[in-house]
Amino acid sequence: MRRPTRRAVLGWGGATGLVALGPVIGYGGWLYAGSGRSNVGRLSFRNRLRIPPLPAPTERNGRKTFVLRAQEGTAELLPGRRTRTWGYNGAHLGPTLRAARGDRVAIELTNGLGETTTTHWHGMRLPAVMDGGPHQPIGPGATWRPYWTVEQPAATLWYHPHLHRRTAAHVYRGMAGMFLVDDDGPDGLPGEYGVDDVPVIVQDKKFHDDGSLDDGGITFQGLSLTGLLGDTILVNGTYDPYLEVTRTHTRLRLLNASNARVYDIGFADDRPFWLVATDAGLTAAPQRMRRIMLSPGERAEIVVVLRPGERAVLRGHPPRMGANRIYERLTGGDDAFDLLQIRAAARLEQSPPLPARLAEPEPIPVTPRTLTREFVMGDFTLNGRTMDHGRIDQVVTAGSVEIWRVTNAGGFPANGLPHSFHVHEVGFQVLDVNGRPPAAHLRGRKDTVFVPPRTTMRLAMRFGRWSDPAHPYMYHCHLLAHEDAGMMGQFVVVSPRDRGRVRPPGGHH
């Protein structure tokens, strides 16, 4: 898919008033009027939430080995209808993989699809050649065998395709799964998988009347220019879901695996919950909250407390996108969705109280002399460029600490498009947002962050020790249509000895 040109963008944007043509303005008004979406009050919560399987790895050559197969199939996503989908080890989504800090792990991933794909370990710190970005393509029938040692704290990570120009389509069809990392010893949080420690993979879809996926606009839809915004919500691939709980405290591992939709997640009755982890690990202490906003790729772990017989509805409230009023609506800023009903049993087992302290993240020491790199997010560009597989955009010293200053400069329309920013290999600390301390949900370790228009964030990060002048990592917008349009760059991490050996990686796709 070619990147949208500025001229094309302005053409599409005529309906916002940029081009004063009556029919176009009328079309824009029709899109605006029809763009608000909601399922609130329309669900009966009649389907038990599916819990992705948690397979035990096989020990091979001292490594915990997971076997995955990317495959096509059909799944009953809507009751009584079959949908053609993709998944790992099944028709839709993938199993939850789990390993502990210090484990040597390996993956045997066979591509059973009819086209090339990749699989990226989102949030995992590992050598670039094992990262699963666009430079590790897996052809039809081929098997990829990455391996690494887990060297990071406990966190909720995930895996998904990362093939340039095809990521949005592959993820939308169902290729996503969680990868949980455990640390030494218990953390004092609810921890029985599928019982009081529950994965919650949120995706929005559009369906045709026959139950097939509607992928029209998977790149750009109407005037939205953020990609496909569906009107049907699936959680773990389940439509209209409920979860039965038997303990007073339930840990929900939230993952926004949507292509473009942003959710401001809380409960319908505005009850509080406790934030215990963000993308890259546990927070220092539980934080009492009522909302947490997640853009595509972001994760959060929350703990909710219920009384016997109680029911609570997890809801995506209208998110604040930071755009102008018209574009706020066109990008989902007026949308509200009930996600999941949680039903407490008549008798509940009392959970231990939440720990007062959870983790002590290793500090990222920054000083006025710390190297700062500038990243300007345009409408579909990073630093005025689009992705080029044959170009290295940044060269980083292994083990170094840097500040990445990321600015959503705005542009079309009026004050710009919303973006998110994901960096492979590192977990970063948000130092400030427009010069002010970050909000509570941004204070833990992150690897993906929402960047509204006219916003500047400073991110502190310490890079890993793996030196590789030939294989790059990626940084990009995680709104998948933007990523596929080329809003992505490449960086290599090298030792001083390897700096002179950096070469463009060539034309992988």
Protein backbone atom coordinates (compact mmCIF):
# COMPACT_ATOMS: atom_id res chain seq x y z
CA MET A 1 0.00 0.00 0.00
CA ARG A 2 1.36 3.41 -0.93
CA ARG A 3 1.67 6.07 1.72
CA PRO A 4 -1.12 8.68 1.44
CA THR A 5 0.25 11.81 -0.19
CA ARG A 6 -0.33 15.22 1.30
CA ARG A 7 -2.48 16.04 -1.72
CA ALA A 8 -4.59 12.94 -1.20
CA VAL A 9 -4.99 13.67 2.49
CA LEU A 10 -6.18 17.18 1.74
CA GLY A 11 -8.55 15.77 -0.84
CA TRP A 12 -10.05 13.30 1.61
CA GLY A 13 -10.27 16.04 4.19
CA GLY A 14 -12.43 18.29 2.06
CA ALA A 15 -15.46 17.28 4.04
CA THR A 16 -14.09 19.02 7.12
CA GLY A 17 -14.32 22.35 5.37
CA LEU A 18 -10.87 22.45 3.81
CA VAL A 19 -12.46 22.34 0.37
CA ALA A 20 -15.61 24.45 0.12
CA LEU A 21 -17.66 22.18 -2.10
CA GLY A 22 -21.28 21.59 -1.23
CA PRO A 23 -21.46 17.83 -2.01
CA VAL A 24 -18.23 17.16 -0.13
CA ILE A 25 -19.40 19.16 2.87
CA GLY A 26 -22.64 17.21 2.81
CA TYR A 27 -20.71 13.93 2.74
CA GLY A 28 -18.59 15.12 5.66
CA GLY A 29 -21.69 16.03 7.64
CA TRP A 30 -23.18 12.61 6.94
CA LEU A 31 -20.00 10.91 8.11
CA TYR A 32 -19.88 13.09 11.22
CA ALA A 33 -23.49 12.34 12.11
CA GLY A 34 -22.99 8.61 11.61
CA SER A 35 -19.62 8.27 13.27
CA GLY A 36 -20.70 7.99 16.92
CA ARG A 37 -20.74 4.31 17.97
CA SER A 38 -21.95 2.60 21.12
CA ASN A 39 -23.27 -0.73 22.38
CA VAL A 40 -24.19 0.58 25.83
CA GLY A 41 -27.54 -0.88 26.90
CA ARG A 42 -27.62 -3.30 23.97
CA LEU A 43 -25.77 -6.30 25.41
CA SER A 44 -27.19 -9.10 27.54
CA PHE A 45 -23.79 -10.58 28.54
CA ARG A 46 -24.83 -14.06 27.57
CA ASN A 47 -21.56 -15.64 26.46
CA ARG A 48 -18.94 -16.96 28.87
CA LEU A 49 -15.60 -15.23 28.34
CA ARG A 50 -13.14 -17.45 26.51
CA ILE A 51 -9.83 -17.84 28.30
CA PRO A 52 -6.88 -18.43 25.93
CA PRO A 53 -5.13 -21.73 26.68
CA LEU A 54 -1.90 -21.67 28.69
CA PRO A 55 0.27 -24.42 27.18
CA ALA A 56 3.22 -25.84 29.09
CA PRO A 57 6.50 -25.51 27.17
CA THR A 58 8.62 -28.50 26.23
CA GLU A 59 12.19 -28.70 27.52
CA ARG A 60 14.58 -28.97 24.57
CA ASN A 61 18.31 -28.43 24.81
CA GLY A 62 17.93 -26.54 28.06
CA ARG A 63 15.32 -24.17 26.67
CA LYS A 64 11.61 -23.88 27.35
CA THR A 65 10.25 -24.36 23.84
CA PHE A 66 6.84 -23.19 22.64
CA VAL A 67 5.45 -24.52 19.35
CA LEU A 68 3.22 -22.14 17.38
CA ARG A 69 1.55 -22.42 14.02
CA ALA A 70 0.04 -19.47 12.18
CA GLN A 71 -3.06 -20.76 10.45
CA GLU A 72 -6.34 -19.95 8.78
CA GLY A 73 -9.68 -21.19 10.04
CA THR A 74 -13.25 -20.29 10.88
CA ALA A 75 -14.49 -19.13 14.26
CA GLU A 76 -17.90 -18.42 15.74
CA LEU A 77 -17.27 -14.80 16.67
CA LEU A 78 -20.94 -13.87 16.40
CA PRO A 79 -23.52 -16.39 17.71
CA GLY A 80 -24.62 -18.79 15.00
CA ARG A 81 -22.32 -17.38 12.32
CA ARG A 82 -18.95 -18.58 11.08
CA THR A 83 -16.20 -16.10 10.28
CA ARG A 84 -13.02 -16.78 8.33
CA THR A 85 -10.16 -15.83 10.64
CA TRP A 86 -6.47 -16.29 11.34
CA GLY A 87 -4.81 -17.35 14.56
CA TYR A 88 -1.96 -19.18 16.26
CA ASN A 89 -2.59 -22.85 17.11
CA GLY A 90 -6.26 -22.29 16.38
CA ALA A 91 -8.69 -20.37 14.24
CA HIS A 92 -8.54 -17.08 16.14
CA LEU A 93 -6.03 -15.37 18.47
CA GLY A 94 -3.31 -17.47 20.11
CA PRO A 95 -2.40 -19.23 23.34
CA THR A 96 -0.97 -17.36 26.30
CA LEU A 97 2.76 -18.03 26.59
CA ARG A 98 4.41 -17.79 30.01
CA ALA A 99 8.04 -17.72 31.14
CA ALA A 100 10.02 -16.43 34.11
CA ARG A 101 12.92 -14.06 34.39
CA GLY A 102 16.11 -16.01 33.73
CA ASP A 103 14.41 -18.67 31.59
CA ARG A 104 16.01 -19.66 28.31
CA VAL A 105 13.12 -19.80 25.86
CA ALA A 106 12.73 -20.85 22.25
CA ILE A 107 9.89 -20.64 19.74
CA GLU A 108 9.20 -22.94 16.80
CA LEU A 109 6.80 -20.93 14.67
CA THR A 110 5.53 -22.42 11.43
CA ASN A 111 3.67 -20.29 8.90
CA GLY A 112 0.62 -22.24 7.73
CA LEU A 113 -0.84 -19.22 5.95
CA GLY A 114 -0.90 -18.60 2.24
CA GLU A 115 1.30 -15.52 2.50
CA THR A 116 4.39 -14.27 4.31
CA THR A 117 4.02 -13.03 7.87
CA THR A 118 6.20 -12.24 10.89
CA THR A 119 5.70 -12.45 14.65
CA HIS A 120 6.99 -9.72 16.95
CA TRP A 121 7.37 -10.17 20.71
CA HIS A 122 5.94 -6.81 21.75
CA GLY A 123 7.62 -5.50 24.90
CA MET A 124 10.20 -8.28 25.13
CA ARG A 125 13.83 -7.28 25.60
CA LEU A 126 15.84 -9.51 23.29
CA PRO A 127 18.42 -9.41 20.48
CA ALA A 128 17.26 -7.62 17.33
CA VAL A 129 17.60 -10.73 15.14
CA MET A 130 15.03 -12.47 17.39
CA ASP A 131 12.65 -9.49 17.59
CA GLY A 132 10.26 -10.58 14.83
CA GLY A 133 9.99 -7.27 13.05
CA PRO A 134 9.75 -6.82 9.30
CA HIS A 135 13.33 -8.10 8.86
CA GLN A 136 12.44 -11.60 10.06
CA PRO A 137 9.84 -12.66 7.44
CA ILE A 138 8.40 -16.18 7.56
CA GLY A 139 7.35 -17.46 4.15
CA PRO A 140 4.43 -19.85 3.64
CA GLY A 141 5.36 -23.28 4.98
CA ALA A 142 8.57 -22.01 6.61
CA THR A 143 9.51 -22.33 10.28
CA TRP A 144 11.25 -19.60 12.28
CA ARG A 145 13.17 -20.57 15.43
CA PRO A 146 14.05 -17.55 17.60
CA TYR A 147 15.53 -18.06 21.07
CA TRP A 148 16.62 -15.79 23.91
CA THR A 149 17.00 -15.50 27.67
CA VAL A 150 14.28 -13.58 29.51
CA GLU A 151 16.04 -10.63 31.14
CA GLN A 152 13.32 -8.31 32.41
CA PRO A 153 10.90 -7.89 35.31
CA ALA A 154 7.41 -9.38 35.48
CA ALA A 155 5.11 -7.89 32.84
CA THR A 156 2.17 -8.50 30.52
CA LEU A 157 3.54 -8.59 26.97
CA TRP A 158 2.00 -9.77 23.71
CA TYR A 159 2.88 -11.11 20.28
CA HIS A 160 1.52 -10.21 16.85
CA PRO A 161 2.57 -9.92 13.17
CA HIS A 162 4.80 -7.04 12.10
CA LEU A 163 5.07 -7.37 8.32
CA HIS A 164 5.47 -3.98 6.69
CA ARG A 165 2.28 -2.80 4.93
CA ARG A 166 0.38 -5.92 6.12
CA THR A 167 0.41 -5.61 9.92
CA ALA A 168 -3.09 -4.10 10.12
CA ALA A 169 -4.66 -6.87 8.03
CA HIS A 170 -2.93 -9.72 9.86
CA VAL A 171 -3.76 -8.45 13.36
CA TYR A 172 -7.35 -7.65 12.36
CA ARG A 173 -7.91 -11.21 11.19
CA GLY A 174 -7.03 -12.44 14.66
CA MET A 175 -3.29 -12.94 15.02
CA ALA A 176 -2.50 -11.88 18.59
CA GLY A 177 -1.71 -13.50 21.91
CA MET A 178 -0.35 -12.65 25.34
CA PHE A 179 3.14 -13.43 26.63
CA LEU A 180 3.38 -13.24 30.41
CA VAL A 181 6.71 -12.76 32.18
CA ASP A 182 7.04 -13.74 35.85
CA ASP A 183 9.72 -12.57 38.29
CA ASP A 184 11.30 -14.20 41.31
CA GLY A 185 8.85 -15.03 44.09
CA PRO A 186 5.18 -14.15 44.51
CA ASP A 187 4.13 -10.53 44.06
CA GLY A 188 1.17 -10.74 46.44
CA LEU A 189 -1.33 -10.13 43.63
CA PRO A 190 -4.09 -12.46 42.40
CA GLY A 191 -2.23 -15.02 40.33
CA GLU A 192 -4.25 -18.11 39.33
CA TYR A 193 -4.53 -17.91 35.57
CA GLY A 194 -8.11 -17.81 34.32
CA VAL A 195 -9.54 -17.72 37.87
CA ASP A 196 -8.48 -14.47 39.53
CA ASP A 197 -5.74 -13.52 37.03
CA VAL A 198 -7.55 -13.04 33.73
CA PRO A 199 -6.37 -11.93 30.26
CA VAL A 200 -8.64 -9.32 28.66
CA ILE A 201 -7.76 -8.85 24.97
CA VAL A 202 -9.97 -6.08 23.56
CA GLN A 203 -10.54 -5.70 19.81
CA ASP A 204 -13.14 -3.91 17.73
CA LYS A 205 -14.48 -5.44 14.51
CA LYS A 206 -16.89 -4.76 11.68
CA PHE A 207 -19.00 -7.60 10.27
CA HIS A 208 -21.01 -8.12 7.14
CA ASP A 209 -24.52 -9.52 7.54
CA ASP A 210 -23.26 -13.03 6.79
CA GLY A 211 -20.77 -12.88 9.66
CA SER A 212 -17.66 -12.31 7.56
CA LEU A 213 -15.18 -9.64 8.63
CA ASP A 214 -15.59 -6.29 6.94
CA ASP A 215 -12.06 -5.05 6.36
CA GLY A 216 -13.04 -2.15 4.14
CA GLY A 217 -11.08 0.86 5.36
CA ILE A 218 -8.57 -1.25 7.26
CA THR A 219 -6.06 1.36 6.24
CA PHE A 220 -8.15 4.53 6.16
CA GLN A 221 -11.91 4.73 6.66
CA GLY A 222 -14.00 7.66 5.53
CA LEU A 223 -12.44 10.75 7.03
CA SER A 224 -11.03 8.93 10.04
CA LEU A 225 -7.48 8.56 8.74
CA THR A 226 -6.57 6.56 11.84
CA GLY A 227 -7.66 3.26 10.34
CA LEU A 228 -10.59 0.97 10.86
CA LEU A 229 -12.95 1.69 13.77
CA GLY A 230 -15.32 -1.20 14.33
CA ASP A 231 -18.75 -1.11 15.93
CA THR A 232 -18.58 -4.59 17.50
CA ILE A 233 -16.35 -5.38 20.47
CA LEU A 234 -14.76 -8.77 21.11
CA VAL A 235 -12.92 -9.68 24.32
CA ASN A 236 -10.66 -12.73 23.94
CA GLY A 237 -12.60 -13.29 20.74
CA THR A 238 -15.89 -13.42 22.67
CA TYR A 239 -18.91 -11.32 21.75
CA ASP A 240 -21.21 -10.08 24.54
CA PRO A 241 -19.07 -11.70 27.28
CA TYR A 242 -19.35 -12.30 31.00
CA LEU A 243 -16.78 -13.53 33.52
CA GLU A 244 -17.68 -15.40 36.70
CA VAL A 245 -15.35 -14.81 39.65
CA THR A 246 -15.11 -16.70 42.92
CA ARG A 247 -12.69 -14.49 44.88
CA THR A 248 -13.04 -10.98 46.20
CA HIS A 249 -10.07 -9.62 44.20
CA THR A 250 -9.66 -10.16 40.45
CA ARG A 251 -6.64 -9.12 38.41
CA LEU A 252 -7.48 -8.11 34.84
CA ARG A 253 -4.61 -7.99 32.34
CA LEU A 254 -5.91 -5.45 29.84
CA LEU A 255 -4.53 -5.40 26.29
CA ASN A 256 -5.75 -3.03 23.61
CA ALA A 257 -5.18 -5.21 20.53
CA SER A 258 -7.37 -3.06 18.28
CA ASN A 259 -6.05 -1.59 15.06
CA ALA A 260 -6.90 2.05 15.77
CA ARG A 261 -9.45 2.40 18.55
CA VAL A 262 -8.54 4.07 21.86
CA TYR A 263 -10.43 3.08 25.03
CA ASP A 264 -10.83 5.03 28.26
CA ILE A 265 -11.41 1.99 30.45
CA GLY A 266 -13.29 2.04 33.72
CA PHE A 267 -16.53 0.64 35.11
CA ALA A 268 -20.09 1.59 34.22
CA ASP A 269 -20.85 2.52 37.85
CA ASP A 270 -17.59 4.46 38.13
CA ARG A 271 -16.29 2.20 40.89
CA PRO A 272 -12.57 2.49 41.68
CA PHE A 273 -9.96 -0.08 40.80
CA TRP A 274 -6.26 -0.42 41.53
CA LEU A 275 -3.64 -0.06 38.81
CA VAL A 276 -0.81 -2.50 39.59
CA ALA A 277 1.16 -2.63 36.32
CA THR A 278 1.66 -0.81 33.05
CA ASP A 279 3.21 -2.07 29.79
CA ALA A 280 6.67 -3.01 31.01
CA GLY A 281 6.11 -4.02 34.61
CA LEU A 282 4.58 -3.55 38.04
CA THR A 283 4.03 -0.09 39.46
CA ALA A 284 5.84 0.89 42.65
CA ALA A 285 2.55 0.67 44.58
CA PRO A 286 -1.13 0.06 43.76
CA GLN A 287 -2.75 3.26 42.47
CA ARG A 288 -6.46 3.86 43.07
CA MET A 289 -8.10 4.99 39.81
CA ARG A 290 -11.42 5.15 38.01
CA ARG A 291 -10.19 5.39 34.40
CA ILE A 292 -7.18 4.33 32.38
CA MET A 293 -6.81 5.22 28.71
CA LEU A 294 -5.19 2.62 26.44
CA SER A 295 -4.25 3.20 22.82
CA PRO A 296 -3.45 0.28 20.47
CA GLY A 297 -0.60 -1.84 21.84
CA GLU A 298 -0.81 -0.52 25.42
CA ARG A 299 -1.41 -2.81 28.41
CA ALA A 300 -2.39 -2.34 32.04
CA GLU A 301 -3.01 -4.67 34.95
CA ILE A 302 -5.81 -3.65 37.28
CA VAL A 303 -7.36 -5.24 40.36
CA VAL A 304 -11.09 -4.89 41.02
CA VAL A 305 -12.82 -5.83 44.28
CA LEU A 306 -16.36 -7.25 44.25
CA ARG A 307 -18.83 -8.24 46.95
CA PRO A 308 -20.74 -11.56 46.88
CA GLY A 309 -23.46 -11.60 44.23
CA GLU A 310 -22.36 -8.29 42.76
CA ARG A 311 -22.14 -7.52 39.05
CA ALA A 312 -19.91 -4.90 37.46
CA VAL A 313 -19.56 -3.89 33.82
CA LEU A 314 -16.16 -2.97 32.42
CA ARG A 315 -16.70 -0.13 29.97
CA GLY A 316 -14.72 1.82 27.42
CA HIS A 317 -15.81 5.39 28.06
CA PRO A 318 -15.41 8.10 25.37
CA PRO A 319 -11.66 8.81 25.17
CA ARG A 320 -10.18 12.28 24.97
CA MET A 321 -8.22 12.20 21.74
CA GLY A 322 -6.95 15.77 21.88
CA ALA A 323 -8.11 16.59 18.36
CA ASN A 324 -10.48 19.34 17.24
CA ARG A 325 -14.17 18.76 17.90
CA ILE A 326 -15.01 17.32 14.48
CA TYR A 327 -12.00 15.07 14.35
CA GLU A 328 -12.48 14.01 17.95
CA ARG A 329 -15.74 12.40 16.88
CA LEU A 330 -14.36 10.93 13.67
CA THR A 331 -11.54 9.18 15.58
CA GLY A 332 -13.84 7.58 18.16
CA GLY A 333 -13.81 10.31 20.80
CA ASP A 334 -17.59 10.12 21.26
CA ASP A 335 -17.77 6.30 21.31
CA ALA A 336 -18.63 4.21 24.36
CA PHE A 337 -18.62 0.41 24.60
CA ASP A 338 -19.48 -2.08 27.30
CA LEU A 339 -16.65 -4.61 27.22
CA LEU A 340 -17.29 -7.30 29.83
CA GLN A 341 -19.66 -8.07 32.68
CA ILE A 342 -18.03 -9.47 35.82
CA ARG A 343 -20.30 -11.64 37.99
CA ALA A 344 -19.35 -12.41 41.55
CA ALA A 345 -20.49 -15.73 43.01
CA ALA A 346 -22.91 -15.77 45.94
CA ARG A 347 -20.02 -16.80 48.15
CA LEU A 348 -16.54 -15.47 47.56
CA GLU A 349 -13.19 -16.64 48.85
CA GLN A 350 -11.47 -13.77 50.63
CA SER A 351 -8.35 -12.67 48.76
CA PRO A 352 -5.29 -11.37 50.60
CA PRO A 353 -5.08 -7.58 50.79
CA LEU A 354 -3.09 -5.83 48.11
CA PRO A 355 0.56 -5.26 49.03
CA ALA A 356 1.49 -1.71 49.96
CA ARG A 357 4.58 -1.98 47.71
CA LEU A 358 4.86 -3.91 44.46
CA ALA A 359 8.15 -3.20 42.72
CA GLU A 360 11.16 -0.96 42.75
CA PRO A 361 11.93 -0.32 39.07
CA GLU A 362 15.60 0.14 38.35
CA PRO A 363 16.11 3.89 37.98
CA ILE A 364 17.01 5.33 34.59
CA PRO A 365 19.61 7.99 35.48
CA VAL A 366 19.29 11.11 33.34
CA THR A 367 21.24 14.33 33.67
CA PRO A 368 21.37 17.61 31.71
CA ARG A 369 24.14 15.96 29.66
CA THR A 370 22.11 12.87 28.68
CA LEU A 371 21.87 12.55 24.90
CA THR A 372 18.47 13.68 23.64
CA ARG A 373 17.07 12.63 20.28
CA GLU A 374 14.19 14.47 18.61
CA PHE A 375 11.27 12.67 16.95
CA VAL A 376 8.57 14.70 15.23
CA MET A 377 5.38 12.86 14.31
CA GLY A 378 3.71 14.36 11.24
CA ASP A 379 0.46 13.16 9.73
CA PHE A 380 2.05 9.98 8.36
CA THR A 381 5.77 10.60 8.87
CA LEU A 382 8.47 10.48 11.52
CA ASN A 383 11.00 13.29 11.23
CA GLY A 384 9.60 14.03 7.79
CA ARG A 385 10.35 10.52 6.46
CA THR A 386 8.53 7.29 5.86
CA MET A 387 9.86 3.79 6.34
CA ASP A 388 12.79 2.68 4.17
CA HIS A 389 14.08 -0.82 4.85
CA GLY A 390 17.44 0.14 3.38
CA ARG A 391 18.02 3.09 5.72
CA ILE A 392 19.17 3.11 9.35
CA ASP A 393 17.64 6.14 11.05
CA GLN A 394 19.37 6.02 14.44
CA VAL A 395 22.54 4.39 15.79
CA VAL A 396 22.43 3.80 19.56
CA THR A 397 25.27 2.71 21.86
CA ALA A 398 24.62 -0.57 23.67
CA GLY A 399 23.88 -0.07 27.37
CA SER A 400 23.48 3.69 27.03
CA VAL A 401 20.82 5.94 28.55
CA GLU A 402 19.07 8.41 26.25
CA ILE A 403 16.10 10.76 26.24
CA TRP A 404 13.78 10.55 23.24
CA ARG A 405 11.76 13.73 22.85
CA VAL A 406 8.63 12.82 20.89
CA THR A 407 6.39 15.56 19.52
CA ASN A 408 3.07 15.15 17.75
CA ALA A 409 3.43 18.31 15.70
CA GLY A 410 -0.12 18.36 14.41
CA GLY A 411 -1.12 19.14 10.88
CA PHE A 412 -4.24 17.80 9.20
CA PRO A 413 -6.95 18.64 10.08
CA ALA A 414 -6.50 21.89 11.99
CA ASN A 415 -4.45 20.50 14.89
CA GLY A 416 -3.37 17.08 13.67
CA LEU A 417 -3.96 13.36 14.00
CA PRO A 418 -3.66 11.36 17.22
CA HIS A 419 -0.73 8.93 17.33
CA SER A 420 0.89 6.41 19.61
CA PHE A 421 4.62 5.72 19.91
CA HIS A 422 6.16 2.28 20.44
CA VAL A 423 9.86 1.50 20.77
CA HIS A 424 11.15 -2.05 20.39
CA GLU A 425 13.69 -3.49 22.87
CA VAL A 426 13.27 -0.95 25.70
CA GLY A 427 10.92 -0.10 28.50
CA PHE A 428 10.93 3.65 29.04
CA GLN A 429 10.01 6.15 31.72
CA VAL A 430 7.82 9.13 30.80
CA LEU A 431 9.69 12.11 32.25
CA ASP A 432 7.15 14.79 31.42
CA VAL A 433 4.27 15.70 29.11
CA ASN A 434 4.39 19.23 27.70
CA GLY A 435 6.83 20.03 30.48
CA ARG A 436 4.54 18.80 33.27
CA PRO A 437 4.74 15.61 35.38
CA PRO A 438 2.99 12.65 33.72
CA ALA A 439 -0.45 11.45 34.81
CA ALA A 440 -0.63 8.52 37.23
CA HIS A 441 -1.13 5.89 34.54
CA LEU A 442 2.04 7.05 32.74
CA ARG A 443 4.39 6.84 35.71
CA GLY A 444 5.18 3.14 35.47
CA ARG A 445 7.45 1.53 32.90
CA LYS A 446 6.05 1.80 29.37
CA ASP A 447 6.91 0.66 25.86
CA THR A 448 3.94 2.23 24.06
CA VAL A 449 2.36 5.61 24.76
CA PHE A 450 -0.50 7.67 23.34
CA VAL A 451 0.64 11.04 21.96
CA PRO A 452 -2.23 13.48 21.31
CA PRO A 453 -1.89 16.32 18.80
CA ARG A 454 0.25 19.26 19.91
CA THR A 455 1.88 17.18 22.63
CA THR A 456 5.56 16.65 23.49
CA MET A 457 6.73 13.80 25.71
CA ARG A 458 10.23 13.13 26.98
CA LEU A 459 10.97 9.43 27.35
CA ALA A 460 14.01 8.15 29.27
CA MET A 461 15.31 4.74 28.24
CA ARG A 462 18.27 2.45 28.87
CA PHE A 463 19.19 0.26 25.93
CA GLY A 464 20.21 -3.38 26.10
CA ARG A 465 23.66 -4.91 25.89
CA TRP A 466 23.17 -6.79 22.58
CA SER A 467 25.33 -5.29 19.84
CA ASP A 468 24.21 -5.98 16.28
CA PRO A 469 25.18 -3.66 13.40
CA ALA A 470 23.22 -5.72 10.84
CA HIS A 471 19.75 -6.18 12.37
CA PRO A 472 17.65 -3.16 13.38
CA TYR A 473 14.87 -2.62 15.89
CA MET A 474 11.85 -0.49 15.04
CA TYR A 475 10.12 2.56 16.46
CA HIS A 476 6.74 3.55 15.07
CA CYS A 477 3.20 4.71 15.54
CA HIS A 478 1.12 1.77 16.81
CA LEU A 479 -2.05 2.86 15.05
CA LEU A 480 -1.59 0.07 12.54
CA ALA A 481 -2.78 1.98 9.47
CA HIS A 482 -0.20 4.65 10.22
CA GLU A 483 2.50 2.01 10.73
CA ASP A 484 1.64 0.33 7.43
CA ALA A 485 1.63 3.70 5.66
CA GLY A 486 5.28 4.07 6.64
CA MET A 487 5.20 5.89 9.97
CA MET A 488 8.12 3.84 11.22
CA GLY A 489 11.88 4.12 11.65
CA GLN A 490 14.82 1.79 12.29
CA PHE A 491 17.60 1.88 14.84
CA VAL A 492 20.54 -0.38 15.58
CA VAL A 493 22.13 -0.90 18.98
CA VAL A 494 25.90 -1.36 18.74
CA SER A 495 29.00 -1.40 20.89
CA PRO A 496 31.66 1.23 20.18
CA ARG A 497 33.67 -1.51 18.45
CA ASP A 498 30.77 -2.31 16.08
CA ARG A 499 29.79 1.27 15.26
CA GLY A 500 31.89 1.34 12.11
CA ARG A 501 30.27 -1.88 10.83
CA VAL A 502 26.70 -0.53 10.60
CA ARG A 503 25.22 -1.19 7.19
CA PRO A 504 21.64 -0.82 5.86
CA PRO A 505 19.87 -4.17 6.22
CA GLY A 506 18.55 -4.37 2.67
CA GLY A 507 15.15 -4.77 1.21
CA HIS A 508 13.29 -7.18 3.48
CA HIS A 509 9.55 -6.75 3.56
